[in-house]
Amino acid sequence: MKIQDDRCLMDVRVVGYQFPDRVSDKRETVDYDANWLTVSVRYTGTEAEKVEDEFWMRVCFVCEVDKGERKEITAVQRMDRERLAEILDEVKGVVQRFPKR
């Protein structure tokens, strides 16, 4: 899904299950490893300032930047009600494509 305005762009894509061939162990009540997803995130732009009567989305993630060194990144995006509804529909589509196994 792409979220953007005139200053910022955040492109978030679910690539697939991290372990697509994993079969849940029936002895365990929850197999967390079976549900890990690989996600691609691209963010460009500056941090947005607060604007009244708009919705804001904040995404915080940790990525590997160099041989085990990790960096925490926070991306913030503002949007109107219509764009937020579109994004929620996209998220529902991702959930349907990658259900809990």
Protein backbone atom coordinates (compact mmCIF):
# COMPACT_ATOMS: atom_id res chain seq x y z
CA MET A 1 0.00 0.00 0.00
CA LYS A 2 1.23 3.50 -0.77
CA ILE A 3 0.57 6.34 1.62
CA GLN A 4 1.69 9.74 0.44
CA ASP A 5 1.12 13.44 0.37
CA ASP A 6 3.08 16.27 -1.28
CA ARG A 7 6.05 15.80 1.12
CA CYS A 8 6.26 12.14 2.11
CA LEU A 9 5.87 8.64 0.70
CA MET A 10 5.57 5.37 2.58
CA ASP A 11 5.25 2.18 0.55
CA VAL A 12 4.49 -0.94 2.64
CA ARG A 13 4.24 -4.37 1.02
CA VAL A 14 3.76 -7.81 2.54
CA VAL A 15 6.14 -10.03 0.58
CA GLY A 16 5.03 -13.37 2.03
CA TYR A 17 5.42 -15.75 4.92
CA GLN A 18 8.97 -15.86 6.26
CA PHE A 19 8.69 -19.65 6.55
CA PRO A 20 6.18 -20.55 3.79
CA ASP A 21 6.69 -24.31 4.10
CA ARG A 22 6.44 -24.45 7.89
CA VAL A 23 3.88 -26.87 9.28
CA SER A 24 2.54 -26.13 12.74
CA ASP A 25 3.47 -28.58 15.46
CA LYS A 26 0.13 -29.91 16.72
CA ARG A 27 1.58 -30.34 20.23
CA GLU A 28 1.90 -26.55 20.59
CA THR A 29 -1.18 -24.40 21.12
CA VAL A 30 0.36 -21.46 19.21
CA ASP A 31 3.11 -21.66 16.59
CA TYR A 32 4.35 -18.08 16.26
CA ASP A 33 6.98 -19.00 13.67
CA ALA A 34 4.30 -20.20 11.25
CA ASN A 35 2.82 -16.69 11.05
CA TRP A 36 5.90 -14.47 10.57
CA LEU A 37 5.63 -12.29 7.51
CA THR A 38 8.35 -10.62 5.46
CA VAL A 39 7.44 -6.96 4.95
CA SER A 40 9.07 -4.44 2.63
CA VAL A 41 8.89 -0.78 3.73
CA ARG A 42 10.14 2.22 1.76
CA TYR A 43 9.83 5.68 3.30
CA THR A 44 10.98 8.97 1.85
CA GLY A 45 10.37 12.46 3.15
CA THR A 46 10.58 14.47 6.34
CA GLU A 47 8.59 13.96 9.57
CA ALA A 48 5.13 15.58 9.18
CA GLU A 49 3.89 18.29 11.53
CA LYS A 50 0.51 18.22 13.28
CA VAL A 51 -2.44 19.48 11.27
CA GLU A 52 -5.84 19.82 12.90
CA ASP A 53 -8.72 17.53 11.83
CA GLU A 54 -6.56 15.01 9.99
CA PHE A 55 -5.67 11.41 10.75
CA TRP A 56 -2.10 10.34 11.45
CA MET A 57 -0.43 6.98 10.99
CA ARG A 58 2.82 6.10 12.74
CA VAL A 59 4.80 3.01 11.84
CA CYS A 60 7.83 2.03 13.90
CA PHE A 61 10.09 -0.79 12.78
CA VAL A 62 13.59 -2.13 13.28
CA CYS A 63 15.75 -2.98 10.31
CA GLU A 64 19.19 -4.44 9.87
CA VAL A 65 21.53 -1.81 8.42
CA ASP A 66 24.88 -3.62 8.51
CA LYS A 67 25.94 -7.12 9.58
CA GLY A 68 23.83 -7.45 12.70
CA GLU A 69 23.62 -3.72 13.44
CA ARG A 70 20.00 -2.66 13.72
CA LYS A 71 18.30 0.71 13.56
CA GLU A 72 14.82 1.72 14.75
CA ILE A 73 12.88 3.83 12.25
CA THR A 74 9.60 5.65 12.83
CA ALA A 75 7.55 6.88 9.87
CA VAL A 76 4.61 9.26 10.35
CA GLN A 77 1.99 10.11 7.74
CA ARG A 78 -1.09 12.35 7.78
CA MET A 79 -4.22 11.68 5.73
CA ASP A 80 -7.89 12.50 5.41
CA ARG A 81 -10.78 10.19 6.32
CA GLU A 82 -11.22 8.89 2.76
CA ARG A 83 -7.57 7.87 2.39
CA LEU A 84 -7.62 6.20 5.82
CA ALA A 85 -10.66 4.14 4.73
CA GLU A 86 -8.77 3.08 1.57
CA ILE A 87 -5.76 2.00 3.63
CA LEU A 88 -7.94 -0.02 6.00
CA ASP A 89 -9.47 -1.81 2.99
CA GLU A 90 -5.94 -2.63 1.75
CA VAL A 91 -5.00 -4.01 5.18
CA LYS A 92 -8.11 -6.23 5.14
CA GLY A 93 -6.98 -7.57 1.75
CA VAL A 94 -3.53 -8.42 3.14
CA VAL A 95 -5.10 -10.21 6.10
CA GLN A 96 -7.17 -12.33 3.72
CA ARG A 97 -4.10 -13.22 1.63
CA PHE A 98 -2.02 -14.14 4.68
CA PRO A 99 -4.38 -15.62 7.29
CA LYS A 100 -3.17 -16.95 10.63
CA ARG A 101 -2.03 -20.53 10.08
